[in-house]
Amino acid sequence: MWEDLKIAQYSFTCRAKEKIRLPPYKGSALRGGFGHAFRQVACVVKGGSG
C-alpha cells in the first residue's frame, strides 16, 4: 500500500519587482496567495474548496 506513496519537498525564492507593503503576518499572506494560485493550476474539481 505505501510503496506507491511519493513525498517531495520544494523550496522557492521570490523577489518583488516593485516595492510592496505586506501585513504584519507576512507568511500568512504569502501562503494564501500561493495556495490560491496553486489551486487554480492543480485542482481538477472546478469550484472545489479543497
N, C-alpha and C. Protein backbone atom coordinates (compact mmCIF):
# COMPACT_ATOMS: atom_id res chain seq x y z
N MET A 1 0.82 -1.19 0.00
CA MET A 1 0.00 0.00 0.00
C MET A 1 0.87 1.26 0.00
N TRP A 2 1.89 1.32 0.84
CA TRP A 2 2.69 2.53 0.98
C TRP A 2 3.80 2.64 -0.06
N GLU A 3 4.07 1.59 -0.80
CA GLU A 3 5.18 1.66 -1.76
C GLU A 3 4.94 2.65 -2.90
N ASP A 4 3.69 3.01 -3.16
CA ASP A 4 3.39 3.98 -4.22
C ASP A 4 3.32 5.42 -3.72
N LEU A 5 3.44 5.62 -2.42
CA LEU A 5 3.38 6.96 -1.85
C LEU A 5 4.67 7.72 -2.17
N LYS A 6 4.52 8.88 -2.79
CA LYS A 6 5.69 9.70 -3.13
C LYS A 6 5.59 11.02 -2.38
N ILE A 7 6.68 11.40 -1.77
CA ILE A 7 6.74 12.63 -0.99
C ILE A 7 7.88 13.48 -1.53
N ALA A 8 7.63 14.77 -1.63
CA ALA A 8 8.67 15.68 -2.11
C ALA A 8 8.65 16.96 -1.27
N GLN A 9 9.77 17.62 -1.21
CA GLN A 9 9.87 18.89 -0.51
C GLN A 9 10.43 19.91 -1.50
N TYR A 10 9.77 21.04 -1.59
CA TYR A 10 10.18 22.08 -2.53
C TYR A 10 10.45 23.36 -1.77
N SER A 11 11.31 24.16 -2.30
CA SER A 11 11.52 25.50 -1.76
C SER A 11 11.72 26.45 -2.93
N PHE A 12 11.32 27.68 -2.74
CA PHE A 12 11.49 28.67 -3.80
C PHE A 12 11.75 30.02 -3.17
N THR A 13 12.34 30.89 -3.95
CA THR A 13 12.62 32.25 -3.54
C THR A 13 11.95 33.19 -4.52
N CYS A 14 11.31 34.19 -4.00
CA CYS A 14 10.70 35.18 -4.90
C CYS A 14 11.17 36.57 -4.47
N ARG A 15 11.23 37.44 -5.44
CA ARG A 15 11.69 38.80 -5.20
C ARG A 15 10.72 39.76 -5.89
N ALA A 16 10.27 40.76 -5.17
CA ALA A 16 9.32 41.75 -5.73
C ALA A 16 10.04 42.62 -6.75
N LYS A 17 9.38 42.89 -7.85
CA LYS A 17 9.92 43.79 -8.87
C LYS A 17 9.74 45.25 -8.46
N GLU A 18 8.72 45.50 -7.63
CA GLU A 18 8.44 46.84 -7.14
C GLU A 18 8.30 46.79 -5.63
N LYS A 19 8.31 47.92 -4.99
CA LYS A 19 8.13 47.98 -3.56
C LYS A 19 6.69 47.58 -3.21
N ILE A 20 6.56 46.68 -2.24
CA ILE A 20 5.23 46.23 -1.83
C ILE A 20 5.06 46.40 -0.34
N ARG A 21 3.81 46.43 0.11
CA ARG A 21 3.51 46.52 1.53
C ARG A 21 2.79 45.24 1.93
N LEU A 22 3.33 44.58 2.93
CA LEU A 22 2.73 43.35 3.43
C LEU A 22 2.21 43.57 4.85
N PRO A 23 1.19 42.81 5.24
CA PRO A 23 0.67 42.92 6.60
C PRO A 23 1.69 42.37 7.61
N PRO A 24 1.45 42.60 8.90
CA PRO A 24 2.38 42.10 9.92
C PRO A 24 2.63 40.60 9.82
N TYR A 25 1.63 39.82 9.45
CA TYR A 25 1.77 38.37 9.33
C TYR A 25 2.05 38.02 7.88
N LYS A 26 3.26 38.27 7.42
CA LYS A 26 3.63 38.09 6.01
C LYS A 26 3.48 36.66 5.54
N GLY A 27 3.85 35.71 6.37
CA GLY A 27 3.78 34.31 5.99
C GLY A 27 2.37 33.89 5.61
N SER A 28 1.41 34.35 6.36
CA SER A 28 0.02 34.02 6.10
C SER A 28 -0.43 34.58 4.75
N ALA A 29 -0.07 35.82 4.45
CA ALA A 29 -0.45 36.44 3.18
C ALA A 29 0.19 35.72 2.00
N LEU A 30 1.47 35.39 2.13
CA LEU A 30 2.17 34.71 1.04
C LEU A 30 1.65 33.29 0.84
N ARG A 31 1.39 32.59 1.93
CA ARG A 31 0.87 31.23 1.85
C ARG A 31 -0.52 31.24 1.21
N GLY A 32 -1.35 32.21 1.57
CA GLY A 32 -2.69 32.30 1.00
C GLY A 32 -2.64 32.59 -0.49
N GLY A 33 -1.76 33.49 -0.91
CA GLY A 33 -1.62 33.81 -2.33
C GLY A 33 -1.10 32.62 -3.12
N PHE A 34 -0.12 31.93 -2.57
CA PHE A 34 0.41 30.75 -3.24
C PHE A 34 -0.64 29.66 -3.33
N GLY A 35 -1.37 29.44 -2.24
CA GLY A 35 -2.42 28.41 -2.23
C GLY A 35 -3.49 28.68 -3.26
N HIS A 36 -3.89 29.94 -3.39
CA HIS A 36 -4.90 30.31 -4.39
C HIS A 36 -4.39 30.04 -5.80
N ALA A 37 -3.18 30.46 -6.10
CA ALA A 37 -2.61 30.23 -7.43
C ALA A 37 -2.42 28.74 -7.70
N PHE A 38 -1.95 27.99 -6.71
CA PHE A 38 -1.74 26.56 -6.89
C PHE A 38 -3.06 25.84 -7.15
N ARG A 39 -4.11 26.22 -6.43
CA ARG A 39 -5.41 25.59 -6.64
C ARG A 39 -5.91 25.82 -8.06
N GLN A 40 -5.67 27.00 -8.62
CA GLN A 40 -6.13 27.30 -9.98
C GLN A 40 -5.45 26.40 -11.01
N VAL A 41 -4.20 26.05 -10.81
CA VAL A 41 -3.49 25.24 -11.79
C VAL A 41 -3.56 23.75 -11.49
N ALA A 42 -3.83 23.36 -10.25
CA ALA A 42 -3.75 21.95 -9.89
C ALA A 42 -5.08 21.28 -9.56
N CYS A 43 -6.10 22.03 -9.22
CA CYS A 43 -7.36 21.42 -8.79
C CYS A 43 -8.15 20.92 -10.00
N VAL A 44 -8.51 19.66 -9.98
CA VAL A 44 -9.25 19.08 -11.09
C VAL A 44 -10.75 19.25 -10.93
N VAL A 45 -11.21 19.61 -9.75
CA VAL A 45 -12.64 19.81 -9.48
C VAL A 45 -12.91 21.31 -9.52
N LYS A 46 -13.56 21.78 -10.58
CA LYS A 46 -13.83 23.20 -10.70
C LYS A 46 -14.80 23.64 -9.60
N GLY A 47 -14.45 24.73 -8.93
CA GLY A 47 -15.29 25.24 -7.86
C GLY A 47 -15.09 24.51 -6.55
N GLY A 48 -14.16 23.56 -6.52
CA GLY A 48 -13.90 22.82 -5.29
C GLY A 48 -13.18 23.67 -4.27
N SER A 49 -13.42 23.44 -3.01
CA SER A 49 -12.78 24.24 -1.96
C SER A 49 -11.64 23.50 -1.31
N GLY A 50 -11.30 22.33 -1.78
CA GLY A 50 -10.20 21.64 -1.15
C GLY A 50 -9.90 20.42 -1.84
